[in-house]
Amino acid sequence: MSYTVFVDGQEGTTGLQIHDLLARRRDIEVLRIASDRRKDDAERSRLLNAADVVFLCLPDQAAREAAGWVTNPRTCVIDASTAHRVNPAWVFGLPELAAGQREALRGSKRISNPGCHSSAFILLVRPLVDAGLLDPATALTATSITGYSGGGRKLIEQYQGSPAASRLASPRPYGLSLAHKHVPEMTQWSGLRTRPVFMPIVSNFYKGLAVSVPLHLPALSKGTDARELHRALGERYAGERFVKTMPLSDLAALDDGYFDVQACNDSNRCELFVFAGNEQAILLARLDNLGKGASGAAVQSMNVHLGLDEGLGLAA
């Protein structure tokens, strides 16, 4: 069976990547809008309602507007913006989130694609909350280091400009207003009641992302140690194709003691780590911010919704 797909915002980073992931698939026909009609609302609306699946790769307000134009009850909308990620009328597009999530994705025509930072954070934290090891009221901190492609075309042009500005050579923390747009979904879908303090850092490489969450073990549920944290993650993601729990304190996974942020690039894979010391642990998750952190996740949700092989067209 063949399905029609339309990407609204096909020239952006996420839209281009979705086109690349679908280009080799014989079961998908991609509808394209002529370059001179990309701002023609009537033509966009026609294509939005002609497709079986629509990907919205637009700024938040434009995504809300485009979603409102979809009146065909058979069209599934997958929104890559932050506009609908905590909207209860939309299903959060993270199949591994919890039991029943895939069923919800199959039954919904409105799916919100997770953010890259939040996917990594939620995959680390949600199983610990569900297992009772982490009190939902716990005040967590999280740091994410990411490649510059996550900032979209404008940031890519800054980093790839010739010559690049010297200030771009070193890592740059941002989101220092403590109001990063991913924090609401990080809080809601991890099961926390307290907003985490989150600091992202962009660095001078194209793609790849790692989120770290430090924990003081005595502050967790009584008797919780690193083995329990690792066990909870391992049990939650046992059998998952794209989320893997790596061995506890896996020093062999390090490169002469250093953690490779880019090791999951060009895949839809997310790897989870627990590194532990005396009464302390660091949770780490890494993924490709353009893969499992964006376009790969969107295609995965599409596959689930359509009842196809979940990994079709995606590299594990």
Protein backbone atom coordinates (compact mmCIF):
# COMPACT_ATOMS: atom_id res chain seq x y z
CA MET A 1 0.00 0.00 0.00
CA SER A 2 1.23 3.49 -0.85
CA TYR A 3 0.77 6.64 1.23
CA THR A 4 1.02 10.31 0.29
CA VAL A 5 3.10 12.68 2.42
CA PHE A 6 3.44 16.46 2.35
CA VAL A 7 6.17 18.37 4.19
CA ASP A 8 5.12 21.94 4.91
CA GLY A 9 8.43 23.73 5.39
CA GLN A 10 10.31 21.42 3.08
CA GLU A 11 13.33 23.73 2.73
CA GLY A 12 14.23 23.79 6.44
CA THR A 13 16.76 21.52 8.14
CA THR A 14 14.16 19.10 9.52
CA GLY A 15 12.09 19.14 6.35
CA LEU A 16 15.08 18.36 4.14
CA GLN A 17 16.08 15.49 6.42
CA ILE A 18 12.57 14.02 6.31
CA HIS A 19 12.69 14.18 2.50
CA ASP A 20 16.02 12.34 2.58
CA LEU A 21 14.62 9.61 4.84
CA LEU A 22 11.59 9.10 2.58
CA ALA A 23 13.37 9.39 -0.77
CA ARG A 24 14.28 5.69 -1.00
CA ARG A 25 10.90 4.37 0.11
CA ARG A 26 8.61 2.83 -2.49
CA ASP A 27 5.59 2.95 -0.18
CA ILE A 28 5.65 6.76 0.08
CA GLU A 29 4.72 9.37 -2.50
CA VAL A 30 5.98 12.79 -1.45
CA LEU A 31 3.82 15.70 -2.58
CA ARG A 32 5.88 18.79 -3.36
CA ILE A 33 4.90 22.41 -3.64
CA ALA A 34 6.39 24.48 -6.44
CA SER A 35 9.04 26.87 -5.22
CA ASP A 36 7.12 29.90 -6.48
CA ARG A 37 4.00 28.82 -4.55
CA ARG A 38 5.54 28.08 -1.15
CA LYS A 39 3.81 31.18 0.28
CA ASP A 40 0.54 30.50 -1.52
CA ASP A 41 -1.78 29.61 1.35
CA ALA A 42 -4.44 28.13 -0.91
CA GLU A 43 -1.94 25.74 -2.51
CA ARG A 44 -0.48 24.80 0.87
CA SER A 45 -3.96 24.12 2.21
CA ARG A 46 -4.79 21.95 -0.79
CA LEU A 47 -1.68 19.83 -0.29
CA LEU A 48 -2.18 19.65 3.48
CA ASN A 49 -5.60 18.10 2.91
CA ALA A 50 -4.52 15.89 0.01
CA ALA A 51 -1.93 13.94 2.04
CA ASP A 52 -2.29 10.92 4.28
CA VAL A 53 0.46 12.32 6.51
CA VAL A 54 1.60 15.92 6.88
CA PHE A 55 4.84 17.01 8.55
CA LEU A 56 4.84 20.61 9.80
CA CYS A 57 8.43 21.91 9.81
CA LEU A 58 7.53 25.49 10.60
CA PRO A 59 7.89 28.11 13.35
CA ASP A 60 5.38 27.69 16.16
CA GLN A 61 2.78 30.24 15.07
CA ALA A 62 2.91 29.10 11.44
CA ALA A 63 2.51 25.50 12.60
CA ARG A 64 -0.59 26.39 14.61
CA GLU A 65 -2.05 28.14 11.59
CA ALA A 66 -1.26 25.28 9.19
CA ALA A 67 -2.68 22.70 11.58
CA GLY A 68 -5.92 24.67 11.62
CA TRP A 69 -6.16 24.42 7.84
CA VAL A 70 -6.28 20.60 7.93
CA THR A 71 -9.94 19.61 7.69
CA ASN A 72 -9.54 16.19 6.06
CA PRO A 73 -10.33 13.68 8.83
CA ARG A 74 -8.02 11.12 7.23
CA THR A 75 -4.94 13.37 7.33
CA CYS A 76 -2.49 12.77 10.17
CA VAL A 77 -0.54 15.88 11.19
CA ILE A 78 2.92 15.47 12.73
CA ASP A 79 4.15 18.81 14.04
CA ALA A 80 7.91 19.25 14.47
CA SER A 81 7.55 22.64 16.19
CA THR A 82 7.06 23.21 19.92
CA ALA A 83 3.53 24.51 19.38
CA HIS A 84 1.61 21.41 20.49
CA ARG A 85 3.99 19.39 22.66
CA VAL A 86 2.10 19.91 25.91
CA ASN A 87 -1.33 20.21 24.28
CA PRO A 88 -3.55 17.39 25.65
CA ALA A 89 -5.33 17.12 22.29
CA TRP A 90 -2.07 16.03 20.65
CA VAL A 91 -0.18 12.76 21.27
CA PHE A 92 3.49 13.15 22.16
CA GLY A 93 5.52 11.46 19.41
CA LEU A 94 7.86 9.36 21.53
CA PRO A 95 6.85 5.70 21.05
CA GLU A 96 9.14 4.56 23.88
CA LEU A 97 7.61 6.98 26.39
CA ALA A 98 5.38 4.51 28.24
CA ALA A 99 3.14 1.50 27.80
CA GLY A 100 0.27 2.40 25.51
CA GLN A 101 2.09 5.20 23.69
CA ARG A 102 2.26 3.33 20.41
CA GLU A 103 -1.44 2.57 20.59
CA ALA A 104 -2.12 6.25 21.17
CA LEU A 105 0.03 7.17 18.17
CA ARG A 106 -1.81 4.71 15.95
CA GLY A 107 -5.16 6.16 16.96
CA SER A 108 -4.37 9.87 16.77
CA LYS A 109 -4.44 12.25 13.80
CA ARG A 110 -2.48 14.90 15.74
CA ILE A 111 1.07 14.05 16.82
CA SER A 112 3.60 16.46 18.32
CA ASN A 113 7.21 15.57 17.55
CA PRO A 114 9.52 15.85 20.60
CA GLY A 115 12.44 18.23 20.81
CA CYS A 116 15.98 16.88 20.66
CA HIS A 117 17.05 17.90 24.18
CA SER A 118 13.76 16.78 25.68
CA SER A 119 13.81 13.35 24.00
CA ALA A 120 17.14 12.54 25.63
CA PHE A 121 16.09 13.94 29.02
CA ILE A 122 12.71 12.20 29.07
CA LEU A 123 14.14 8.83 28.03
CA LEU A 124 16.55 9.06 30.98
CA VAL A 125 14.19 10.34 33.66
CA ARG A 126 10.70 8.94 32.98
CA PRO A 127 11.57 5.29 33.80
CA LEU A 128 13.08 6.34 37.14
CA VAL A 129 9.95 8.29 38.09
CA ASP A 130 7.68 5.43 37.01
CA ALA A 131 9.77 2.93 39.01
CA GLY A 132 9.49 5.03 42.16
CA LEU A 133 13.24 5.64 42.33
CA LEU A 134 12.94 9.37 41.67
CA ASP A 135 10.38 11.51 43.47
CA PRO A 136 8.45 13.61 40.93
CA ALA A 137 9.04 16.64 43.14
CA THR A 138 12.83 16.27 42.84
CA ALA A 139 14.58 19.40 41.57
CA LEU A 140 16.87 18.17 38.80
CA THR A 141 19.50 19.89 36.70
CA ALA A 142 20.40 18.94 33.17
CA THR A 143 23.04 20.02 30.70
CA SER A 144 22.96 19.37 26.97
CA ILE A 145 25.78 19.80 24.48
CA THR A 146 24.68 19.85 20.87
CA GLY A 147 25.86 20.49 17.35
CA TYR A 148 24.92 23.74 15.69
CA SER A 149 22.48 22.20 13.20
CA GLY A 150 19.89 22.20 16.00
CA GLY A 151 19.68 25.98 15.67
CA GLY A 152 18.37 25.82 12.11
CA ARG A 153 19.48 27.56 8.96
CA LYS A 154 20.52 30.87 10.52
CA LEU A 155 22.87 29.26 13.04
CA ILE A 156 24.23 26.85 10.43
CA GLU A 157 25.11 29.80 8.21
CA GLN A 158 26.91 31.49 11.11
CA TYR A 159 29.06 28.45 11.82
CA GLN A 160 29.71 27.57 8.21
CA GLY A 161 30.39 31.14 7.14
CA SER A 162 33.79 31.92 5.69
CA PRO A 163 35.70 32.80 7.72
CA ALA A 164 33.85 31.67 10.86
CA ALA A 165 33.90 34.16 13.73
CA SER A 166 36.47 33.32 16.42
CA ARG A 167 33.78 33.44 19.09
CA LEU A 168 32.21 30.35 17.50
CA ALA A 169 35.30 28.22 18.05
CA SER A 170 34.50 27.37 21.68
CA PRO A 171 31.33 25.91 23.24
CA ARG A 172 28.62 28.49 23.98
CA PRO A 173 26.04 28.03 26.77
CA TYR A 174 22.65 29.54 25.99
CA GLY A 175 19.09 29.49 27.29
CA LEU A 176 20.34 31.42 30.30
CA SER A 177 16.97 33.08 30.84
CA LEU A 178 16.03 29.63 32.22
CA ALA A 179 13.04 29.57 29.91
CA HIS A 180 14.23 27.26 27.12
CA LYS A 181 11.29 26.19 24.95
CA HIS A 182 11.90 22.48 25.62
CA VAL A 183 11.52 22.76 29.42
CA PRO A 184 7.69 22.48 29.53
CA GLU A 185 7.74 19.16 27.64
CA MET A 186 10.78 17.96 29.61
CA THR A 187 8.80 18.52 32.79
CA GLN A 188 5.44 17.17 31.69
CA TRP A 189 6.52 14.02 29.86
CA SER A 190 9.23 13.00 32.32
CA GLY A 191 6.59 12.88 35.05
CA LEU A 192 8.25 15.60 37.12
CA ARG A 193 6.34 18.24 39.05
CA THR A 194 9.32 20.58 39.37
CA ARG A 195 10.82 22.26 36.33
CA PRO A 196 14.44 21.15 35.86
CA VAL A 197 17.18 23.73 35.66
CA PHE A 198 18.31 23.21 32.09
CA MET A 199 21.38 24.62 30.35
CA PRO A 200 22.04 23.77 26.71
CA ILE A 201 25.44 24.35 25.11
CA VAL A 202 26.03 24.68 21.37
CA SER A 203 29.44 23.78 20.03
CA ASN A 204 31.39 23.86 16.79
CA PHE A 205 30.31 20.56 15.24
CA TYR A 206 27.39 19.95 12.91
CA LYS A 207 25.26 17.38 14.71
CA GLY A 208 25.16 15.10 17.70
CA LEU A 209 23.77 15.69 21.19
CA ALA A 210 24.30 14.46 24.74
CA VAL A 211 22.18 15.33 27.78
CA SER A 212 23.60 14.75 31.26
CA VAL A 213 21.61 14.60 34.52
CA PRO A 214 23.65 14.46 37.76
CA LEU A 215 22.15 12.70 40.79
CA HIS A 216 23.05 12.50 44.48
CA LEU A 217 22.10 8.93 45.37
CA PRO A 218 21.23 9.65 49.05
CA ALA A 219 18.60 12.13 47.82
CA LEU A 220 16.76 9.39 45.92
CA SER A 221 14.33 6.82 47.31
CA LYS A 222 15.84 4.92 50.22
CA GLY A 223 18.25 2.22 49.13
CA THR A 224 18.49 3.42 45.51
CA ASP A 225 21.95 2.89 44.10
CA ALA A 226 23.43 3.08 40.61
CA ARG A 227 22.57 -0.56 39.93
CA GLU A 228 18.89 0.15 40.60
CA LEU A 229 18.94 3.15 38.26
CA HIS A 230 20.59 1.08 35.56
CA ARG A 231 18.17 -1.81 36.09
CA ALA A 232 15.14 0.48 35.74
CA LEU A 233 16.41 1.85 32.43
CA GLY A 234 17.34 -1.60 31.15
CA GLU A 235 13.95 -3.06 31.98
CA ARG A 236 12.00 -0.17 30.46
CA TYR A 237 13.82 -0.32 27.12
CA ALA A 238 14.40 -4.07 26.86
CA GLY A 239 13.63 -5.10 23.30
CA GLU A 240 13.45 -1.55 21.97
CA ARG A 241 15.00 -1.12 18.56
CA PHE A 242 16.20 2.45 18.89
CA VAL A 243 16.78 3.02 22.62
CA LYS A 244 19.60 1.03 24.21
CA THR A 245 20.81 0.95 27.80
CA MET A 246 24.58 0.56 27.79
CA PRO A 247 26.57 -1.33 30.47
CA LEU A 248 26.83 0.30 33.90
CA SER A 249 29.81 2.65 34.26
CA ASP A 250 30.97 1.49 30.84
CA LEU A 251 34.48 2.92 30.69
CA ALA A 252 35.08 0.94 27.50
CA ALA A 253 32.55 3.22 25.81
CA LEU A 254 34.84 6.18 26.41
CA ASP A 255 37.62 7.37 24.15
CA ASP A 256 40.63 7.61 26.48
CA GLY A 257 38.26 8.80 29.18
CA TYR A 258 36.23 11.16 26.97
CA PHE A 259 32.58 10.75 25.99
CA ASP A 260 31.82 10.93 22.25
CA VAL A 261 28.74 13.13 21.76
CA GLN A 262 28.55 12.21 18.05
CA ALA A 263 28.63 8.40 18.29
CA CYS A 264 24.92 8.02 17.39
CA ASN A 265 25.07 10.32 14.37
CA ASP A 266 23.40 9.21 11.13
CA SER A 267 21.05 6.90 13.02
CA ASN A 268 17.75 6.94 14.87
CA ARG A 269 19.47 5.42 17.91
CA CYS A 270 19.56 6.80 21.44
CA GLU A 271 22.06 5.31 23.90
CA LEU A 272 21.62 5.65 27.66
CA PHE A 273 24.43 5.47 30.23
CA VAL A 274 24.76 5.43 34.00
CA PHE A 275 28.18 6.38 35.36
CA ALA A 276 28.53 6.11 39.13
CA GLY A 277 30.93 7.12 41.85
CA ASN A 278 30.71 7.27 45.63
CA GLU A 279 27.08 8.30 46.37
CA GLN A 280 26.82 10.09 43.03
CA ALA A 281 25.73 9.18 39.52
CA ILE A 282 25.56 10.86 36.15
CA LEU A 283 22.90 9.83 33.66
CA LEU A 284 23.86 10.42 30.02
CA ALA A 285 21.87 10.08 26.82
CA ARG A 286 23.21 10.67 23.33
CA LEU A 287 21.48 10.85 19.99
CA ASP A 288 21.65 12.53 16.62
CA ASN A 289 19.76 15.80 17.07
CA LEU A 290 18.64 15.56 13.41
CA GLY A 291 17.80 11.84 13.74
CA LYS A 292 16.10 10.55 16.88
CA GLY A 293 16.06 14.20 17.97
CA ALA A 294 14.00 15.46 15.00
CA SER A 295 13.40 13.94 11.56
CA GLY A 296 14.02 10.32 12.47
CA ALA A 297 11.60 10.58 15.37
CA ALA A 298 8.95 12.10 13.08
CA VAL A 299 9.28 9.29 10.54
CA GLN A 300 9.23 6.71 13.35
CA SER A 301 5.92 8.14 14.61
CA MET A 302 4.56 8.09 11.06
CA ASN A 303 5.48 4.43 10.72
CA VAL A 304 3.76 3.62 14.01
CA HIS A 305 0.64 5.58 13.07
CA LEU A 306 0.34 3.86 9.71
CA GLY A 307 0.85 0.41 11.22
CA LEU A 308 4.10 -0.16 9.32
CA ASP A 309 7.38 -1.63 10.48
CA GLU A 310 8.47 1.01 13.00
CA GLY A 311 12.04 1.08 11.72
CA LEU A 312 11.21 1.36 8.03
CA GLY A 313 13.66 3.75 6.41
CA LEU A 314 15.54 4.38 9.68
CA ALA A 315 19.03 3.26 10.71
CA ALA A 316 19.35 1.59 14.10
